[in-house]
Amino acid sequence: MSSEKVVLGVLAGVAVGALVGVLFAPAKGSKTRKKILRKGEDIYDSSKEKVDDLMEAVIEKFEMIKDEVSEYAEKIKGEVANYAEMKMSKPQETSKFQK
Protein backbone atom coordinates (compact mmCIF):
# COMPACT_ATOMS: atom_id res chain seq x y z
CA MET A 1 0.00 0.00 0.00
CA SER A 2 1.39 3.40 -0.93
CA SER A 3 2.11 6.02 1.68
CA GLU A 4 -0.33 8.43 0.01
CA LYS A 5 -3.19 5.97 0.51
CA VAL A 6 -2.23 5.45 4.14
CA VAL A 7 -2.13 9.21 4.77
CA LEU A 8 -5.50 9.71 3.07
CA GLY A 9 -6.99 6.80 5.04
CA VAL A 10 -5.72 8.20 8.34
CA LEU A 11 -7.03 11.67 7.50
CA ALA A 12 -10.43 10.30 6.52
CA GLY A 13 -10.57 8.30 9.75
CA VAL A 14 -9.69 11.34 11.83
CA ALA A 15 -12.32 13.42 10.03
CA VAL A 16 -15.06 10.84 10.51
CA GLY A 17 -14.09 10.28 14.14
CA ALA A 18 -14.10 14.00 14.90
CA LEU A 19 -17.44 14.49 13.16
CA VAL A 20 -19.09 11.59 15.00
CA GLY A 21 -17.66 12.78 18.32
CA VAL A 22 -18.97 16.30 17.82
CA LEU A 23 -22.38 15.15 16.58
CA PHE A 24 -22.96 12.92 19.60
CA ALA A 25 -21.69 15.46 22.13
CA PRO A 26 -24.47 17.13 24.14
CA ALA A 27 -24.49 20.71 22.87
CA LYS A 28 -26.77 23.19 21.10
CA GLY A 29 -26.95 23.03 17.31
CA SER A 30 -25.13 26.34 16.82
CA LYS A 31 -22.28 25.24 19.07
CA THR A 32 -22.09 21.90 17.33
CA ARG A 33 -21.92 23.59 13.91
CA LYS A 34 -19.13 25.87 15.14
CA LYS A 35 -17.23 22.87 16.50
CA ILE A 36 -17.66 21.02 13.20
CA LEU A 37 -16.45 24.09 11.32
CA ARG A 38 -13.38 24.45 13.57
CA LYS A 39 -12.57 20.74 13.29
CA GLY A 40 -12.96 20.94 9.53
CA GLU A 41 -10.58 23.88 9.39
CA ASP A 42 -8.09 22.04 11.59
CA ILE A 43 -8.26 18.95 9.40
CA TYR A 44 -7.93 21.09 6.27
CA ASP A 45 -4.86 22.84 7.67
CA SER A 46 -3.29 19.55 8.71
CA SER A 47 -4.04 17.97 5.33
CA LYS A 48 -2.66 20.99 3.50
CA GLU A 49 0.59 20.76 5.48
CA LYS A 50 0.92 17.07 4.68
CA VAL A 51 0.22 17.64 0.98
CA ASP A 52 2.71 20.52 0.91
CA ASP A 53 5.34 18.30 2.55
CA LEU A 54 4.62 15.53 0.05
CA MET A 55 4.86 17.93 -2.89
CA GLU A 56 8.14 19.32 -1.56
CA ALA A 57 9.55 15.79 -1.30
CA VAL A 58 8.39 14.95 -4.84
CA ILE A 59 9.91 18.16 -6.24
CA GLU A 60 13.18 17.49 -4.40
CA LYS A 61 13.33 13.94 -5.76
CA PHE A 62 12.52 15.19 -9.28
CA GLU A 63 15.32 17.77 -9.11
CA MET A 64 17.76 15.13 -7.88
CA ILE A 65 16.85 12.76 -10.73
CA LYS A 66 17.03 15.61 -13.25
CA ASP A 67 20.54 16.46 -12.06
CA GLU A 68 21.64 12.82 -12.27
CA VAL A 69 20.27 12.49 -15.80
CA SER A 70 22.00 15.73 -16.85
CA GLU A 71 25.31 14.50 -15.44
CA TYR A 72 24.91 11.16 -17.20
CA ALA A 73 24.04 12.90 -20.49
CA GLU A 74 27.16 15.07 -20.21
CA LYS A 75 29.27 11.99 -19.53
CA ILE A 76 27.86 10.20 -22.57
CA LYS A 77 28.29 13.35 -24.68
CA GLY A 78 31.96 13.49 -23.70
CA GLU A 79 32.50 9.81 -24.45
CA VAL A 80 30.86 10.16 -27.87
CA ALA A 81 33.00 13.23 -28.64
CA ASN A 82 36.15 11.34 -27.61
CA TYR A 83 35.17 8.35 -29.72
CA ALA A 84 34.42 10.55 -32.72
CA GLU A 85 37.73 12.38 -32.32
CA MET A 86 39.58 9.09 -32.09
CA LYS A 87 37.89 7.77 -35.24
CA MET A 88 38.58 11.00 -37.12
CA SER A 89 42.29 11.00 -36.19
CA LYS A 90 42.96 7.41 -37.34
CA PRO A 91 43.32 6.79 -41.06
CA GLN A 92 40.55 4.73 -42.50
CA GLU A 93 41.47 1.09 -42.53
CA THR A 94 40.33 -0.95 -45.44
CA SER A 95 38.33 -3.95 -44.63
CA LYS A 96 39.26 -7.32 -46.05
CA PHE A 97 35.85 -7.31 -47.66
CA GLN A 98 36.52 -4.06 -49.58
CA LYS A 99 38.51 -4.22 -52.82
C-alpha atoms as a PDB file:
ATOM      1  CA  MET A   1       0.000   0.000   0.000  1.00  0.00           C
ATOM      2  CA  SER A   2       1.394   3.397  -0.930  1.00  0.00           C
ATOM      3  CA  SER A   3       2.106   6.023   1.685  1.00  0.00           C
ATOM      4  CA  GLU A   4      -0.331   8.428   0.011  1.00  0.00           C
ATOM      5  CA  LYS A   5      -3.194   5.973   0.507  1.00  0.00           C
ATOM      6  CA  VAL A   6      -2.227   5.453   4.137  1.00  0.00           C
ATOM      7  CA  VAL A   7      -2.129   9.209   4.767  1.00  0.00           C
ATOM      8  CA  LEU A   8      -5.496   9.708   3.074  1.00  0.00           C
ATOM      9  CA  GLY A   9      -6.990   6.803   5.041  1.00  0.00           C
ATOM     10  CA  VAL A  10      -5.722   8.203   8.339  1.00  0.00           C
ATOM     11  CA  LEU A  11      -7.025  11.673   7.504  1.00  0.00           C
ATOM     12  CA  ALA A  12     -10.430  10.298   6.519  1.00  0.00           C
ATOM     13  CA  GLY A  13     -10.573   8.295   9.746  1.00  0.00           C
ATOM     14  CA  VAL A  14      -9.689  11.338  11.827  1.00  0.00           C
ATOM     15  CA  ALA A  15     -12.320  13.424  10.035  1.00  0.00           C
ATOM     16  CA  VAL A  16     -15.057  10.840  10.513  1.00  0.00           C
ATOM     17  CA  GLY A  17     -14.095  10.281  14.142  1.00  0.00           C
ATOM     18  CA  ALA A  18     -14.101  13.998  14.903  1.00  0.00           C
ATOM     19  CA  LEU A  19     -17.440  14.488  13.164  1.00  0.00           C
ATOM     20  CA  VAL A  20     -19.086  11.588  14.997  1.00  0.00           C
ATOM     21  CA  GLY A  21     -17.662  12.779  18.322  1.00  0.00           C
ATOM     22  CA  VAL A  22     -18.969  16.297  17.815  1.00  0.00           C
ATOM     23  CA  LEU A  23     -22.380  15.149  16.580  1.00  0.00           C
ATOM     24  CA  PHE A  24     -22.959  12.924  19.599  1.00  0.00           C
ATOM     25  CA  ALA A  25     -21.689  15.459  22.129  1.00  0.00           C
ATOM     26  CA  PRO A  26     -24.475  17.126  24.141  1.00  0.00           C
ATOM     27  CA  ALA A  27     -24.489  20.711  22.871  1.00  0.00           C
ATOM     28  CA  LYS A  28     -26.766  23.192  21.096  1.00  0.00           C
ATOM     29  CA  GLY A  29     -26.945  23.035  17.309  1.00  0.00           C
ATOM     30  CA  SER A  30     -25.128  26.337  16.816  1.00  0.00           C
ATOM     31  CA  LYS A  31     -22.277  25.237  19.075  1.00  0.00           C
ATOM     32  CA  THR A  32     -22.092  21.896  17.328  1.00  0.00           C
ATOM     33  CA  ARG A  33     -21.922  23.586  13.906  1.00  0.00           C
ATOM     34  CA  LYS A  34     -19.129  25.870  15.142  1.00  0.00           C
ATOM     35  CA  LYS A  35     -17.232  22.867  16.498  1.00  0.00           C
ATOM     36  CA  ILE A  36     -17.662  21.024  13.203  1.00  0.00           C
ATOM     37  CA  LEU A  37     -16.447  24.091  11.324  1.00  0.00           C
ATOM     38  CA  ARG A  38     -13.380  24.445  13.565  1.00  0.00           C
ATOM     39  CA  LYS A  39     -12.568  20.739  13.291  1.00  0.00           C
ATOM     40  CA  GLY A  40     -12.964  20.941   9.527  1.00  0.00           C
ATOM     41  CA  GLU A  41     -10.575  23.882   9.389  1.00  0.00           C
ATOM     42  CA  ASP A  42      -8.090  22.040  11.594  1.00  0.00           C
ATOM     43  CA  ILE A  43      -8.258  18.953   9.405  1.00  0.00           C
ATOM     44  CA  TYR A  44      -7.927  21.093   6.272  1.00  0.00           C
ATOM     45  CA  ASP A  45      -4.860  22.841   7.666  1.00  0.00           C
ATOM     46  CA  SER A  46      -3.287  19.552   8.709  1.00  0.00           C
ATOM     47  CA  SER A  47      -4.039  17.972   5.328  1.00  0.00           C
ATOM     48  CA  LYS A  48      -2.662  20.990   3.497  1.00  0.00           C
ATOM     49  CA  GLU A  49       0.589  20.762   5.476  1.00  0.00           C
ATOM     50  CA  LYS A  50       0.924  17.069   4.677  1.00  0.00           C
ATOM     51  CA  VAL A  51       0.221  17.637   0.978  1.00  0.00           C
ATOM     52  CA  ASP A  52       2.709  20.517   0.908  1.00  0.00           C
ATOM     53  CA  ASP A  53       5.344  18.301   2.551  1.00  0.00           C
ATOM     54  CA  LEU A  54       4.619  15.527   0.054  1.00  0.00           C
ATOM     55  CA  MET A  55       4.858  17.933  -2.890  1.00  0.00           C
ATOM     56  CA  GLU A  56       8.136  19.318  -1.555  1.00  0.00           C
ATOM     57  CA  ALA A  57       9.549  15.792  -1.303  1.00  0.00           C
ATOM     58  CA  VAL A  58       8.393  14.952  -4.839  1.00  0.00           C
ATOM     59  CA  ILE A  59       9.914  18.156  -6.245  1.00  0.00           C
ATOM     60  CA  GLU A  60      13.177  17.490  -4.396  1.00  0.00           C
ATOM     61  CA  LYS A  61      13.329  13.939  -5.765  1.00  0.00           C
ATOM     62  CA  PHE A  62      12.525  15.185  -9.281  1.00  0.00           C
ATOM     63  CA  GLU A  63      15.322  17.766  -9.109  1.00  0.00           C
ATOM     64  CA  MET A  64      17.759  15.130  -7.884  1.00  0.00           C
ATOM     65  CA  ILE A  65      16.847  12.757 -10.727  1.00  0.00           C
ATOM     66  CA  LYS A  66      17.035  15.606 -13.249  1.00  0.00           C
ATOM     67  CA  ASP A  67      20.542  16.460 -12.061  1.00  0.00           C
ATOM     68  CA  GLU A  68      21.638  12.818 -12.269  1.00  0.00           C
ATOM     69  CA  VAL A  69      20.268  12.495 -15.805  1.00  0.00           C
ATOM     70  CA  SER A  70      21.998  15.730 -16.852  1.00  0.00           C
ATOM     71  CA  GLU A  71      25.313  14.499 -15.436  1.00  0.00           C
ATOM     72  CA  TYR A  72      24.907  11.156 -17.200  1.00  0.00           C
ATOM     73  CA  ALA A  73      24.041  12.897 -20.490  1.00  0.00           C
ATOM     74  CA  GLU A  74      27.156  15.072 -20.206  1.00  0.00           C
ATOM     75  CA  LYS A  75      29.271  11.991 -19.530  1.00  0.00           C
ATOM     76  CA  ILE A  76      27.865  10.203 -22.575  1.00  0.00           C
ATOM     77  CA  LYS A  77      28.290  13.346 -24.685  1.00  0.00           C
ATOM     78  CA  GLY A  78      31.964  13.492 -23.701  1.00  0.00           C
ATOM     79  CA  GLU A  79      32.501   9.813 -24.446  1.00  0.00           C
ATOM     80  CA  VAL A  80      30.860  10.160 -27.871  1.00  0.00           C
ATOM     81  CA  ALA A  81      33.000  13.228 -28.637  1.00  0.00           C
ATOM     82  CA  ASN A  82      36.153  11.337 -27.608  1.00  0.00           C
ATOM     83  CA  TYR A  83      35.170   8.346 -29.715  1.00  0.00           C
ATOM     84  CA  ALA A  84      34.423  10.553 -32.724  1.00  0.00           C
ATOM     85  CA  GLU A  85      37.734  12.379 -32.316  1.00  0.00           C
ATOM     86  CA  MET A  86      39.578   9.089 -32.095  1.00  0.00           C
ATOM     87  CA  LYS A  87      37.894   7.766 -35.240  1.00  0.00           C
ATOM     88  CA  MET A  88      38.585  10.995 -37.119  1.00  0.00           C
ATOM     89  CA  SER A  89      42.288  11.003 -36.193  1.00  0.00           C
ATOM     90  CA  LYS A  90      42.955   7.413 -37.343  1.00  0.00           C
ATOM     91  CA  PRO A  91      43.325   6.786 -41.056  1.00  0.00           C
ATOM     92  CA  GLN A  92      40.549   4.725 -42.496  1.00  0.00           C
ATOM     93  CA  GLU A  93      41.472   1.087 -42.531  1.00  0.00           C
ATOM     94  CA  THR A  94      40.334  -0.948 -45.436  1.00  0.00           C
ATOM     95  CA  SER A  95      38.334  -3.952 -44.634  1.00  0.00           C
ATOM     96  CA  LYS A  96      39.264  -7.317 -46.051  1.00  0.00           C
ATOM     97  CA  PHE A  97      35.854  -7.313 -47.665  1.00  0.00           C
ATOM     98  CA  GLN A  98      36.518  -4.062 -49.585  1.00  0.00           C
ATOM     99  CA  LYS A  99      38.507  -4.219 -52.815  1.00  0.00           C
END
